[in-house]
Every structure is written in C-alpha cells, then in structure tokens.
C-alpha cells in the first residue's frame, strides 16, 4: 500500500485526480486564468498549488518559464511525468522558498480554499512578484451558485454524516466576492478584481460523480457502495433536470477569477 504524503494523498489518489477530475472539471480553466494573468512569452510564472500540473503545462506553452509548486509530493509525481520539461517543487505556500521579485505572474487554480491562512498565502504570492506582476487565482463560487454540488453535499449529509458532507462543501466556502476582496487586500497589491465565470462539470454518470467525489475526499473507506447508490438516487431527485439521467451528465460549475497587480 502506498504511503500517504503531507496532504494525506497517495500516488494512486493523485493519478485518479489526473485521470478523472482534470477531464471532468479542470481542463477548461487554464485558458481563462492565463488570459486574466496576461501571460507573455518572456514571463517567468509560478503556479502555486499546481496539483498534477494541469495549469502549469498550459502556462509553459506561452511563457518564458513555468515553475509548479505544491504541498503534495504525490500530485507532483504525476505532474513531473506529465510535463518533464517543467520544474516542480514541493513546499508550503505559507512560506514560498523563492526570492522577492522572482516572477512576472503567480497563478493558482482552486487551491486557496484549502490553505489555513489564505491571506498569508496571498501575501507570499505578492512578495515573489516583480513590480507590475499579476496574481490570478481561480476560486469556486459558493454552493448557492453551484446547485448540483449543493444537492450532492446535502444528499451526503442525509445518507452519511455531517463531517463527510462538510468535507465535500469545503471547496465552495470561499466563494463570496467580499470575502475574496478582503483576502487579496494585502500590502503591495492593487487593482483587485473578482470576476464571475461560467463553467461546467461532465461525468459519465451520476454514480461516477458521487463515487469520484467520495474517493477524492478520502471517504471511500467509510462510505459503502450501497450508500453511494443512495446518494446518487437522492441527487437525481433533488436536481431532476440532469440531461441523459442514465448516461453522461453535464451541469454548471461556476467560479470566480481574482486578479490583482503588484506595486
């Protein structure tokens, strides 16, 4: 059995993230983040919380250099295999191991929600930016603007328990414009903007959506196959306008893109 890393993830879990979540959800966001960051061919770019490198490997196509940074060594192992020409480094965003003014842009895709002190993390991103550099982050909008995941969280609460449901709701807890403006209001950053963007998620079936999310939150050992089936049935009833209910499903999954400028 693989040993969990600093985030409690195993190499198998990281590979599952790359195989399931990147094509289902995350593949559509790199272009939007890169556009918001106005990345140019001579820019040095840092991707903080890079995971398996879905954003990093798109950044390197249009930047002078790209560096991926993540706490999870399991995620970085997948990233290095997928994009061996990029430098990937392990560490904590609370203390970025880079000199002041090292990068023209710092980008982050759906990471800040999991940081104990996101304002400190943004301060570190600002510190490593050159004057005029841009920091851009993708953040999921709240559950009120993502009703399918809201229904999934509540179905999990009804079938399993509050702790499991709260774990699945965690990624959406920062999705408030005022909260994000406050988090990015750190010394050295200006021109803060929070822009809503429409996105989507696409899974082979409702059961795949539920099963993959349960696995992602390391709940698989505590949630049975029967419970997954029950959660899926409840989800169908709560959100009955899924297209192709017995086959592939596609539904809105919306985010904010936050942008600020250093100096």
C-alpha atoms as a PDB file:
ATOM      1  CA  UNK A   1       0.000   0.000   0.000  1.00  0.00           C
ATOM      2  CA  UNK A   2       1.298   3.468  -0.903  1.00  0.00           C
ATOM      3  CA  UNK A   3       2.252   5.769   1.947  1.00  0.00           C
ATOM      4  CA  UNK A   4       0.191   8.990   2.182  1.00  0.00           C
ATOM      5  CA  UNK A   5       2.119  12.224   1.703  1.00  0.00           C
ATOM      6  CA  UNK A   6       1.946  15.578   3.505  1.00  0.00           C
ATOM      7  CA  UNK A   7      -1.648  16.052   2.375  1.00  0.00           C
ATOM      8  CA  UNK A   8      -2.740  12.506   3.124  1.00  0.00           C
ATOM      9  CA  UNK A   9      -2.713  11.643  -0.588  1.00  0.00           C
ATOM     10  CA  UNK A  10      -1.221   8.563  -2.175  1.00  0.00           C
ATOM     11  CA  UNK A  11       0.246   8.310  -5.686  1.00  0.00           C
ATOM     12  CA  UNK A  12      -2.838   6.329  -6.710  1.00  0.00           C
ATOM     13  CA  UNK A  13      -5.133   9.112  -5.449  1.00  0.00           C
ATOM     14  CA  UNK A  14      -3.102  11.705  -7.351  1.00  0.00           C
ATOM     15  CA  UNK A  15      -3.280   9.635 -10.530  1.00  0.00           C
ATOM     16  CA  UNK A  16      -7.033   9.336 -10.053  1.00  0.00           C
ATOM     17  CA  UNK A  17      -7.266  13.115  -9.770  1.00  0.00           C
ATOM     18  CA  UNK A  18      -5.436  13.491 -13.079  1.00  0.00           C
ATOM     19  CA  UNK A  19      -7.499  10.810 -14.815  1.00  0.00           C
ATOM     20  CA  UNK A  20     -10.930  11.828 -13.553  1.00  0.00           C
ATOM     21  CA  UNK A  21     -11.053  15.411 -12.276  1.00  0.00           C
ATOM     22  CA  UNK A  22      -8.879  17.102 -14.895  1.00  0.00           C
ATOM     23  CA  UNK A  23     -11.027  15.999 -17.863  1.00  0.00           C
ATOM     24  CA  UNK A  24     -14.270  16.312 -15.896  1.00  0.00           C
ATOM     25  CA  UNK A  25     -13.684  19.774 -14.424  1.00  0.00           C
ATOM     26  CA  UNK A  26     -10.272  21.411 -14.527  1.00  0.00           C
ATOM     27  CA  UNK A  27      -9.239  21.273 -18.199  1.00  0.00           C
ATOM     28  CA  UNK A  28     -11.370  24.320 -19.091  1.00  0.00           C
ATOM     29  CA  UNK A  29      -9.837  26.775 -16.597  1.00  0.00           C
ATOM     30  CA  UNK A  30      -6.156  27.184 -17.605  1.00  0.00           C
ATOM     31  CA  UNK A  31      -7.010  29.291 -20.680  1.00  0.00           C
ATOM     32  CA  UNK A  32      -9.172  31.633 -18.591  1.00  0.00           C
ATOM     33  CA  UNK A  33      -6.541  32.032 -15.868  1.00  0.00           C
ATOM     34  CA  UNK A  34      -3.744  32.544 -18.397  1.00  0.00           C
ATOM     35  CA  UNK A  35      -5.815  35.203 -20.172  1.00  0.00           C
ATOM     36  CA  UNK A  36      -6.572  37.020 -16.910  1.00  0.00           C
ATOM     37  CA  UNK A  37      -2.882  36.968 -15.997  1.00  0.00           C
ATOM     38  CA  UNK A  38      -1.937  38.375 -19.425  1.00  0.00           C
ATOM     39  CA  UNK A  39       0.997  35.970 -19.613  1.00  0.00           C
ATOM     40  CA  UNK A  40       3.542  36.813 -22.308  1.00  0.00           C
ATOM     41  CA  UNK A  41       6.308  34.800 -23.931  1.00  0.00           C
ATOM     42  CA  UNK A  42       9.132  36.216 -21.765  1.00  0.00           C
ATOM     43  CA  UNK A  43       7.316  35.958 -18.435  1.00  0.00           C
ATOM     44  CA  UNK A  44       8.530  33.864 -15.534  1.00  0.00           C
ATOM     45  CA  UNK A  45       5.425  32.285 -13.997  1.00  0.00           C
ATOM     46  CA  UNK A  46       4.817  30.450 -10.723  1.00  0.00           C
ATOM     47  CA  UNK A  47       1.839  28.094 -10.403  1.00  0.00           C
ATOM     48  CA  UNK A  48       1.043  27.753  -6.696  1.00  0.00           C
ATOM     49  CA  UNK A  49      -0.915  24.681  -5.673  1.00  0.00           C
ATOM     50  CA  UNK A  50      -0.254  23.202  -9.095  1.00  0.00           C
ATOM     51  CA  UNK A  51      -1.504  19.706  -8.250  1.00  0.00           C
ATOM     52  CA  UNK A  52      -0.841  17.404 -11.189  1.00  0.00           C
ATOM     53  CA  UNK A  53       0.151  20.372 -13.352  1.00  0.00           C
ATOM     54  CA  UNK A  54      -2.980  20.896 -15.453  1.00  0.00           C
ATOM     55  CA  UNK A  55      -2.439  24.670 -15.399  1.00  0.00           C
ATOM     56  CA  UNK A  56       1.381  24.595 -15.358  1.00  0.00           C
ATOM     57  CA  UNK A  57       1.690  22.629 -18.571  1.00  0.00           C
ATOM     58  CA  UNK A  58      -0.513  25.140 -20.382  1.00  0.00           C
ATOM     59  CA  UNK A  59       1.391  28.098 -18.904  1.00  0.00           C
ATOM     60  CA  UNK A  60       4.729  26.787 -20.176  1.00  0.00           C
ATOM     61  CA  UNK A  61       3.386  26.870 -23.749  1.00  0.00           C
ATOM     62  CA  UNK A  62       3.074  30.659 -23.688  1.00  0.00           C
ATOM     63  CA  UNK A  63       5.554  31.845 -21.012  1.00  0.00           C
ATOM     64  CA  UNK A  64       9.309  32.157 -20.827  1.00  0.00           C
ATOM     65  CA  UNK A  65       9.427  29.765 -17.876  1.00  0.00           C
ATOM     66  CA  UNK A  66       6.969  27.991 -15.601  1.00  0.00           C
ATOM     67  CA  UNK A  67       7.501  26.605 -12.110  1.00  0.00           C
ATOM     68  CA  UNK A  68       4.950  24.356 -10.416  1.00  0.00           C
ATOM     69  CA  UNK A  69       4.695  24.363  -6.625  1.00  0.00           C
ATOM     70  CA  UNK A  70       2.566  22.123  -4.403  1.00  0.00           C
ATOM     71  CA  UNK A  71       2.437  20.633  -0.925  1.00  0.00           C
ATOM     72  CA  UNK A  72       1.597  17.135  -2.190  1.00  0.00           C
ATOM     73  CA  UNK A  73       4.534  15.081  -3.385  1.00  0.00           C
ATOM     74  CA  UNK A  74       2.061  12.546  -4.800  1.00  0.00           C
ATOM     75  CA  UNK A  75       0.492  15.223  -7.014  1.00  0.00           C
ATOM     76  CA  UNK A  76       3.938  16.443  -8.066  1.00  0.00           C
ATOM     77  CA  UNK A  77       4.964  12.927  -9.059  1.00  0.00           C
ATOM     78  CA  UNK A  78       2.134  12.836 -11.593  1.00  0.00           C
ATOM     79  CA  UNK A  79       2.941  16.385 -12.742  1.00  0.00           C
ATOM     80  CA  UNK A  80       6.598  15.544 -13.391  1.00  0.00           C
ATOM     81  CA  UNK A  81       5.642  12.552 -15.509  1.00  0.00           C
ATOM     82  CA  UNK A  82       3.091  14.565 -17.496  1.00  0.00           C
ATOM     83  CA  UNK A  83       5.414  17.516 -18.122  1.00  0.00           C
ATOM     84  CA  UNK A  84       9.081  16.588 -17.582  1.00  0.00           C
ATOM     85  CA  UNK A  85      10.410  19.857 -19.010  1.00  0.00           C
ATOM     86  CA  UNK A  86       8.907  21.938 -16.165  1.00  0.00           C
ATOM     87  CA  UNK A  87      10.450  22.415 -12.723  1.00  0.00           C
ATOM     88  CA  UNK A  88       8.101  21.205  -9.988  1.00  0.00           C
ATOM     89  CA  UNK A  89       8.939  21.930  -6.364  1.00  0.00           C
ATOM     90  CA  UNK A  90       7.393  20.692  -3.120  1.00  0.00           C
ATOM     91  CA  UNK A  91       6.654  23.049  -0.241  1.00  0.00           C
ATOM     92  CA  UNK A  92       4.157  25.134   1.695  1.00  0.00           C
ATOM     93  CA  UNK A  93       2.552  28.279   0.277  1.00  0.00           C
ATOM     94  CA  UNK A  94       2.727  29.833   3.754  1.00  0.00           C
ATOM     95  CA  UNK A  95       6.465  30.245   3.160  1.00  0.00           C
ATOM     96  CA  UNK A  96       7.329  30.231  -0.532  1.00  0.00           C
ATOM     97  CA  UNK A  97      11.017  29.291  -0.988  1.00  0.00           C
ATOM     98  CA  UNK A  98      11.664  31.929  -3.647  1.00  0.00           C
ATOM     99  CA  UNK A  99      13.389  35.299  -3.524  1.00  0.00           C
ATOM    100  CA  UNK A 100      11.454  38.546  -3.560  1.00  0.00           C
ATOM    101  CA  UNK A 101      10.527  39.778  -7.052  1.00  0.00           C
ATOM    102  CA  UNK A 102      11.231  36.453  -8.795  1.00  0.00           C
ATOM    103  CA  UNK A 103       8.189  36.166 -11.058  1.00  0.00           C
ATOM    104  CA  UNK A 104       6.160  38.212 -13.532  1.00  0.00           C
ATOM    105  CA  UNK A 105       2.971  36.331 -12.685  1.00  0.00           C
ATOM    106  CA  UNK A 106       1.753  33.994  -9.961  1.00  0.00           C
ATOM    107  CA  UNK A 107      -1.275  31.869 -10.799  1.00  0.00           C
ATOM    108  CA  UNK A 108      -3.319  29.446  -8.769  1.00  0.00           C
ATOM    109  CA  UNK A 109      -6.196  27.175  -9.757  1.00  0.00           C
ATOM    110  CA  UNK A 110      -8.629  26.255  -6.983  1.00  0.00           C
ATOM    111  CA  UNK A 111      -6.061  25.960  -4.200  1.00  0.00           C
ATOM    112  CA  UNK A 112      -6.595  28.853  -1.798  1.00  0.00           C
ATOM    113  CA  UNK A 113      -9.744  27.317  -0.277  1.00  0.00           C
ATOM    114  CA  UNK A 114      -7.589  24.618   1.324  1.00  0.00           C
ATOM    115  CA  UNK A 115      -4.979  26.897   2.913  1.00  0.00           C
ATOM    116  CA  UNK A 116      -5.277  27.549   6.673  1.00  0.00           C
ATOM    117  CA  UNK A 117      -4.440  31.257   6.212  1.00  0.00           C
ATOM    118  CA  UNK A 118      -5.274  32.313   2.630  1.00  0.00           C
ATOM    119  CA  UNK A 119      -4.413  35.961   3.282  1.00  0.00           C
ATOM    120  CA  UNK A 120      -0.901  34.949   4.332  1.00  0.00           C
ATOM    121  CA  UNK A 121      -0.643  32.850   1.177  1.00  0.00           C
ATOM    122  CA  UNK A 122      -1.640  35.821  -0.987  1.00  0.00           C
ATOM    123  CA  UNK A 123       0.965  37.917   0.833  1.00  0.00           C
ATOM    124  CA  UNK A 124       3.603  35.351  -0.112  1.00  0.00           C
ATOM    125  CA  UNK A 125       2.440  35.425  -3.728  1.00  0.00           C
ATOM    126  CA  UNK A 126       2.773  39.206  -3.737  1.00  0.00           C
ATOM    127  CA  UNK A 127       6.252  39.031  -2.195  1.00  0.00           C
ATOM    128  CA  UNK A 128       7.665  36.937  -5.030  1.00  0.00           C
ATOM    129  CA  UNK A 129       6.099  39.139  -7.740  1.00  0.00           C
ATOM    130  CA  UNK A 130       8.077  41.771  -9.619  1.00  0.00           C
ATOM    131  CA  UNK A 131       6.639  45.304  -9.732  1.00  0.00           C
ATOM    132  CA  UNK A 132       3.715  45.259 -12.122  1.00  0.00           C
ATOM    133  CA  UNK A 133       3.383  41.490 -11.772  1.00  0.00           C
ATOM    134  CA  UNK A 134      -0.020  39.858 -11.699  1.00  0.00           C
ATOM    135  CA  UNK A 135      -1.506  37.376  -9.272  1.00  0.00           C
ATOM    136  CA  UNK A 136      -4.528  35.460 -10.576  1.00  0.00           C
ATOM    137  CA  UNK A 137      -6.494  32.752  -8.783  1.00  0.00           C
ATOM    138  CA  UNK A 138      -9.492  30.596  -9.604  1.00  0.00           C
ATOM    139  CA  UNK A 139     -11.940  30.129  -6.719  1.00  0.00           C
ATOM    140  CA  UNK A 140     -15.213  28.203  -6.836  1.00  0.00           C
ATOM    141  CA  UNK A 141     -18.330  30.251  -6.336  1.00  0.00           C
ATOM    142  CA  UNK A 142     -20.448  29.321  -3.331  1.00  0.00           C
ATOM    143  CA  UNK A 143     -22.878  26.436  -3.234  1.00  0.00           C
ATOM    144  CA  UNK A 144     -25.721  28.896  -3.809  1.00  0.00           C
ATOM    145  CA  UNK A 145     -24.356  29.347  -7.351  1.00  0.00           C
ATOM    146  CA  UNK A 146     -23.472  25.676  -7.832  1.00  0.00           C
ATOM    147  CA  UNK A 147     -26.769  23.899  -7.134  1.00  0.00           C
ATOM    148  CA  UNK A 148     -25.787  20.395  -8.231  1.00  0.00           C
ATOM    149  CA  UNK A 149     -22.894  20.317  -5.772  1.00  0.00           C
ATOM    150  CA  UNK A 150     -25.187  21.842  -3.157  1.00  0.00           C
ATOM    151  CA  UNK A 151     -27.566  18.928  -3.712  1.00  0.00           C
ATOM    152  CA  UNK A 152     -24.647  16.473  -3.583  1.00  0.00           C
ATOM    153  CA  UNK A 153     -23.479  17.895  -0.246  1.00  0.00           C
ATOM    154  CA  UNK A 154     -26.955  17.684   1.270  1.00  0.00           C
ATOM    155  CA  UNK A 155     -27.510  14.169  -0.066  1.00  0.00           C
ATOM    156  CA  UNK A 156     -24.230  13.099   1.528  1.00  0.00           C
ATOM    157  CA  UNK A 157     -25.306  14.711   4.788  1.00  0.00           C
ATOM    158  CA  UNK A 158     -28.570  12.751   4.755  1.00  0.00           C
ATOM    159  CA  UNK A 159     -27.006   9.404   3.853  1.00  0.00           C
ATOM    160  CA  UNK A 160     -23.618   9.523   5.613  1.00  0.00           C
ATOM    161  CA  UNK A 161     -22.961  12.268   8.189  1.00  0.00           C
ATOM    162  CA  UNK A 162     -22.234  15.959   8.707  1.00  0.00           C
ATOM    163  CA  UNK A 163     -18.467  15.518   8.675  1.00  0.00           C
ATOM    164  CA  UNK A 164     -18.446  13.898   5.248  1.00  0.00           C
ATOM    165  CA  UNK A 165     -20.845  16.500   3.854  1.00  0.00           C
ATOM    166  CA  UNK A 166     -18.791  19.363   5.273  1.00  0.00           C
ATOM    167  CA  UNK A 167     -15.672  17.915   3.641  1.00  0.00           C
ATOM    168  CA  UNK A 168     -17.388  17.947   0.253  1.00  0.00           C
ATOM    169  CA  UNK A 169     -18.633  21.515   0.820  1.00  0.00           C
ATOM    170  CA  UNK A 170     -15.166  22.786   1.726  1.00  0.00           C
ATOM    171  CA  UNK A 171     -14.084  23.862  -1.807  1.00  0.00           C
ATOM    172  CA  UNK A 172     -17.041  26.259  -2.024  1.00  0.00           C
ATOM    173  CA  UNK A 173     -16.606  28.062   1.309  1.00  0.00           C
ATOM    174  CA  UNK A 174     -14.583  30.969  -0.098  1.00  0.00           C
ATOM    175  CA  UNK A 175     -16.943  31.801  -2.949  1.00  0.00           C
ATOM    176  CA  UNK A 176     -18.012  35.262  -1.825  1.00  0.00           C
ATOM    177  CA  UNK A 177     -16.890  38.477  -3.550  1.00  0.00           C
ATOM    178  CA  UNK A 178     -16.494  40.472  -0.343  1.00  0.00           C
ATOM    179  CA  UNK A 179     -14.503  37.692   1.310  1.00  0.00           C
ATOM    180  CA  UNK A 180     -12.198  37.393  -1.693  1.00  0.00           C
ATOM    181  CA  UNK A 181     -11.627  41.156  -1.888  1.00  0.00           C
ATOM    182  CA  UNK A 182     -10.601  41.105   1.770  1.00  0.00           C
ATOM    183  CA  UNK A 183      -8.248  38.147   1.314  1.00  0.00           C
ATOM    184  CA  UNK A 184      -6.464  39.847  -1.593  1.00  0.00           C
ATOM    185  CA  UNK A 185      -6.294  43.197   0.176  1.00  0.00           C
ATOM    186  CA  UNK A 186      -2.657  42.819   1.259  1.00  0.00           C
ATOM    187  CA  UNK A 187       0.214  45.302   1.227  1.00  0.00           C
ATOM    188  CA  UNK A 188       1.649  45.664  -2.251  1.00  0.00           C
ATOM    189  CA  UNK A 189      -1.393  44.541  -4.230  1.00  0.00           C
ATOM    190  CA  UNK A 190      -3.798  46.878  -6.018  1.00  0.00           C
ATOM    191  CA  UNK A 191      -6.426  46.846  -8.775  1.00  0.00           C
ATOM    192  CA  UNK A 192      -8.180  43.857  -7.228  1.00  0.00           C
ATOM    193  CA  UNK A 193     -10.979  42.425  -9.363  1.00  0.00           C
ATOM    194  CA  UNK A 194     -13.278  39.455  -8.760  1.00  0.00           C
ATOM    195  CA  UNK A 195     -14.976  38.273 -11.949  1.00  0.00           C
ATOM    196  CA  UNK A 196     -17.615  35.519 -12.187  1.00  0.00           C
ATOM    197  CA  UNK A 197     -17.094  32.886 -14.858  1.00  0.00           C
ATOM    198  CA  UNK A 198     -19.439  30.147 -16.037  1.00  0.00           C
ATOM    199  CA  UNK A 199     -18.002  26.657 -16.134  1.00  0.00           C
ATOM    200  CA  UNK A 200     -19.269  23.110 -16.185  1.00  0.00           C
ATOM    201  CA  UNK A 201     -18.595  19.601 -14.952  1.00  0.00           C
ATOM    202  CA  UNK A 202     -19.075  16.473 -17.041  1.00  0.00           C
ATOM    203  CA  UNK A 203     -19.142  12.903 -15.721  1.00  0.00           C
ATOM    204  CA  UNK A 204     -20.062   9.558 -17.319  1.00  0.00           C
ATOM    205  CA  UNK A 205     -22.973   9.146 -14.888  1.00  0.00           C
ATOM    206  CA  UNK A 206     -24.446  10.386 -11.622  1.00  0.00           C
ATOM    207  CA  UNK A 207     -22.872   7.377  -9.883  1.00  0.00           C
ATOM    208  CA  UNK A 208     -19.458   8.322 -11.278  1.00  0.00           C
ATOM    209  CA  UNK A 209     -19.843  11.874  -9.975  1.00  0.00           C
ATOM    210  CA  UNK A 210     -20.706  10.619  -6.490  1.00  0.00           C
ATOM    211  CA  UNK A 211     -18.067   7.893  -6.444  1.00  0.00           C
ATOM    212  CA  UNK A 212     -15.254  10.130  -7.668  1.00  0.00           C
ATOM    213  CA  UNK A 213     -16.112  12.860  -5.159  1.00  0.00           C
ATOM    214  CA  UNK A 214     -16.265  10.366  -2.289  1.00  0.00           C
ATOM    215  CA  UNK A 215     -12.874   8.997  -3.318  1.00  0.00           C
ATOM    216  CA  UNK A 216     -11.410  12.496  -3.685  1.00  0.00           C
ATOM    217  CA  UNK A 217     -12.190  13.314  -0.064  1.00  0.00           C
ATOM    218  CA  UNK A 218     -10.692  10.034   1.163  1.00  0.00           C
ATOM    219  CA  UNK A 219     -14.116   8.888   2.322  1.00  0.00           C
ATOM    220  CA  UNK A 220     -14.152   5.644   0.367  1.00  0.00           C
ATOM    221  CA  UNK A 221     -13.299   3.512   3.397  1.00  0.00           C
ATOM    222  CA  UNK A 222     -16.233   4.934   5.352  1.00  0.00           C
ATOM    223  CA  UNK A 223     -18.860   5.085   2.576  1.00  0.00           C
ATOM    224  CA  UNK A 224     -20.253   1.838   1.183  1.00  0.00           C
ATOM    225  CA  UNK A 225     -21.278   1.078  -2.388  1.00  0.00           C
ATOM    226  CA  UNK A 226     -24.884   0.987  -1.196  1.00  0.00           C
ATOM    227  CA  UNK A 227     -24.528   4.474   0.290  1.00  0.00           C
ATOM    228  CA  UNK A 228     -23.032   5.792  -2.945  1.00  0.00           C
ATOM    229  CA  UNK A 229     -26.036   4.392  -4.796  1.00  0.00           C
ATOM    230  CA  UNK A 230     -28.394   6.001  -2.278  1.00  0.00           C
ATOM    231  CA  UNK A 231     -26.639   9.378  -2.545  1.00  0.00           C
ATOM    232  CA  UNK A 232     -26.909   9.200  -6.347  1.00  0.00           C
ATOM    233  CA  UNK A 233     -30.633   8.424  -6.137  1.00  0.00           C
ATOM    234  CA  UNK A 234     -31.201  11.354  -3.788  1.00  0.00           C
ATOM    235  CA  UNK A 235     -29.187  13.620  -6.066  1.00  0.00           C
ATOM    236  CA  UNK A 236     -31.392  12.691  -9.017  1.00  0.00           C
ATOM    237  CA  UNK A 237     -34.495  13.553  -7.029  1.00  0.00           C
ATOM    238  CA  UNK A 238     -33.104  16.843  -5.691  1.00  0.00           C
ATOM    239  CA  UNK A 239     -31.822  18.010  -9.064  1.00  0.00           C
ATOM    240  CA  UNK A 240     -34.036  16.249 -11.534  1.00  0.00           C
ATOM    241  CA  UNK A 241     -33.176  18.204 -14.698  1.00  0.00           C
ATOM    242  CA  UNK A 242     -29.934  16.340 -15.417  1.00  0.00           C
ATOM    243  CA  UNK A 243     -29.567  15.668 -19.126  1.00  0.00           C
ATOM    244  CA  UNK A 244     -29.363  11.963 -20.011  1.00  0.00           C
ATOM    245  CA  UNK A 245     -30.063  10.959 -16.440  1.00  0.00           C
ATOM    246  CA  UNK A 246     -28.984   7.350 -17.019  1.00  0.00           C
ATOM    247  CA  UNK A 247     -25.896   8.293 -19.006  1.00  0.00           C
ATOM    248  CA  UNK A 248     -23.390  11.141 -19.229  1.00  0.00           C
ATOM    249  CA  UNK A 249     -24.214  14.240 -17.189  1.00  0.00           C
ATOM    250  CA  UNK A 250     -23.114  17.821 -17.711  1.00  0.00           C
ATOM    251  CA  UNK A 251     -24.043  20.650 -15.354  1.00  0.00           C
ATOM    252  CA  UNK A 252     -22.910  24.178 -14.387  1.00  0.00           C
ATOM    253  CA  UNK A 253     -19.898  24.525 -12.093  1.00  0.00           C
ATOM    254  CA  UNK A 254     -19.122  28.211 -11.710  1.00  0.00           C
ATOM    255  CA  UNK A 255     -16.096  30.058 -10.373  1.00  0.00           C
ATOM    256  CA  UNK A 256     -14.595  33.454  -9.700  1.00  0.00           C
ATOM    257  CA  UNK A 257     -11.290  34.566 -11.144  1.00  0.00           C
ATOM    258  CA  UNK A 258      -9.494  37.002  -8.856  1.00  0.00           C
ATOM    259  CA  UNK A 259      -6.809  39.298 -10.252  1.00  0.00           C
ATOM    260  CA  UNK A 260      -4.523  41.829  -8.589  1.00  0.00           C
ATOM    261  CA  UNK A 261      -1.379  43.738  -9.548  1.00  0.00           C
ATOM    262  CA  UNK A 262       1.825  44.112  -7.543  1.00  0.00           C
ATOM    263  CA  UNK A 263       3.277  47.532  -6.844  1.00  0.00           C
END
